Protein backbone atom coordinates (compact mmCIF):
# COMPACT_ATOMS: atom_id res chain seq x y z
CA MET A 1 14.72 -9.19 -34.28
CA SER A 2 15.32 -5.64 -33.04
CA LYS A 3 17.46 -5.05 -29.93
CA ASN A 4 14.30 -3.73 -28.24
CA ASN A 5 12.43 -6.99 -28.75
CA ILE A 6 12.71 -10.05 -26.60
CA GLU A 7 11.55 -13.63 -27.09
CA LEU A 8 10.31 -15.46 -24.02
CA SER A 9 9.09 -18.99 -23.64
CA LEU A 10 6.29 -18.96 -21.10
CA PHE A 11 4.03 -21.93 -20.37
CA GLY A 12 5.13 -23.59 -23.59
CA GLN A 13 4.37 -20.58 -25.74
CA VAL A 14 6.85 -18.24 -27.38
CA LEU A 15 6.10 -14.58 -26.74
CA ARG A 16 7.75 -11.78 -28.67
CA LEU A 17 7.62 -8.57 -26.68
CA TYR A 18 8.98 -5.05 -26.92
CA CYS A 19 11.39 -4.42 -24.07
CA PRO A 20 14.26 -1.93 -23.76
CA PRO A 21 17.62 -3.75 -23.62
CA GLU A 22 18.38 -2.61 -20.07
CA GLN A 23 15.16 -4.25 -18.81
CA GLN A 24 15.36 -7.54 -20.70
CA GLU A 25 17.18 -9.53 -18.01
CA ALA A 26 14.69 -8.41 -15.36
CA LEU A 27 11.82 -9.44 -17.65
CA ARG A 28 13.37 -12.88 -18.17
CA GLU A 29 13.77 -13.30 -14.41
CA SER A 30 10.19 -12.18 -13.83
CA ALA A 31 8.91 -14.70 -16.36
CA GLN A 32 10.92 -17.43 -14.63
CA ARG A 33 9.47 -16.52 -11.22
CA LEU A 34 5.96 -16.53 -12.70
CA GLU A 35 6.47 -20.01 -14.15
CA GLU A 36 7.77 -21.22 -10.78
CA ARG A 37 4.80 -19.72 -8.97
CA VAL A 38 2.31 -21.28 -11.36
CA SER A 39 4.03 -24.67 -11.11
CA LEU A 40 4.01 -24.52 -7.33
CA LEU A 41 0.31 -23.64 -7.18
CA LYS A 42 -0.55 -26.42 -9.64
CA GLU A 43 1.40 -28.85 -7.50
CA GLN A 44 -0.08 -27.69 -4.19
CA SER A 45 -3.67 -27.33 -5.34
CA GLY A 46 -3.95 -30.21 -7.76
CA ILE A 47 -5.62 -27.90 -10.28
CA ILE A 48 -4.67 -29.06 -13.75
CA GLN A 49 -6.27 -26.35 -15.88
CA LEU A 50 -3.66 -23.71 -16.65
CA GLU A 51 -6.28 -20.96 -17.06
CA LYS A 52 -7.61 -21.48 -13.54
CA VAL A 53 -4.13 -21.56 -12.05
CA LEU A 54 -3.17 -18.40 -13.94
CA SER A 55 -6.32 -16.69 -12.68
CA ILE A 56 -5.50 -17.56 -9.09
CA VAL A 57 -1.85 -16.50 -9.44
CA SER A 58 -2.97 -13.25 -11.10
CA LEU A 59 -5.37 -12.56 -8.25
CA ASN A 60 -2.64 -13.27 -5.67
CA LEU A 61 -0.16 -11.02 -7.47
CA ASN A 62 -2.70 -8.22 -7.72
CA TYR A 63 -3.49 -8.52 -4.01
CA GLU A 64 0.22 -8.40 -3.14
CA LEU A 65 0.69 -5.36 -5.38
CA GLU A 66 -2.20 -3.54 -3.71
CA LEU A 67 -0.76 -4.32 -0.26
CA GLU A 68 2.61 -2.89 -1.29
CA GLN A 69 0.95 0.19 -2.76
CA ARG A 70 -0.89 0.78 0.51
CA LYS A 71 2.36 0.36 2.46
CA ASN A 72 4.11 2.80 0.14
CA ALA A 73 1.31 5.34 0.59
CA GLU A 74 1.51 4.95 4.38
CA ASN A 75 5.30 5.31 4.30
CA LYS A 76 4.99 8.40 2.14
CA ASN A 77 2.56 9.94 4.63
CA VAL A 78 4.92 9.20 7.53
CA LEU A 79 7.87 10.67 5.65
CA MET A 80 5.90 13.77 4.68
CA ALA A 81 4.90 14.28 8.32
CA CYS A 82 8.56 13.95 9.36
CA VAL A 83 9.66 16.45 6.72
CA GLN A 84 6.94 18.85 7.83
CA HIS A 85 8.04 18.47 11.45
CA LEU A 86 11.67 19.10 10.48
CA ASP A 87 10.65 22.17 8.46
CA GLN A 88 8.76 23.55 11.46
CA SER A 89 11.72 22.88 13.75
CA LEU A 90 14.10 24.62 11.35
CA ALA A 91 11.76 27.57 11.03
CA LYS A 92 11.63 27.90 14.83
CA LEU A 93 15.41 27.79 15.04
CA GLN A 94 15.76 30.40 12.34
CA SER A 95 13.20 32.70 13.92
CA SER A 96 14.82 32.40 17.37
CA GLY A 97 18.00 33.90 15.98
CA ALA A 98 20.19 30.99 17.00
CA GLU A 99 23.51 31.35 15.25
CA THR A 100 24.92 27.90 15.96
CA VAL A 101 23.23 24.60 16.45
CA SER A 102 24.97 21.51 17.80
CA ILE A 103 23.54 18.32 16.42
CA GLY A 104 24.19 15.10 18.25
CA GLN A 105 25.84 16.79 21.23
CA GLU A 106 24.38 17.80 24.55
CA ASN A 107 24.26 21.51 25.31
CA ASN A 108 25.91 22.30 28.65
């Protein structure tokens, strides 16, 4: 097996996947968390059919991903607004001809 391939046991099946060596441990950990999540849902819901449980877990994961993507987009917008505000403030300082600026100190 090539150093870029990884073998995972997931839900009783062996999967052979391409994965760069530096990402293999993270992939193993991700597979372990997925198995734990599926087991927990099976236990809590009483659903026995693996396909149904996997569908529900997939839907939950997709929903969580979309929430995080929305948060990231909102954070990006906030940061961009802050950068724009800072740029405007710097431009005002430069155009006013101020030679020195004290940051974090009160001007007396």
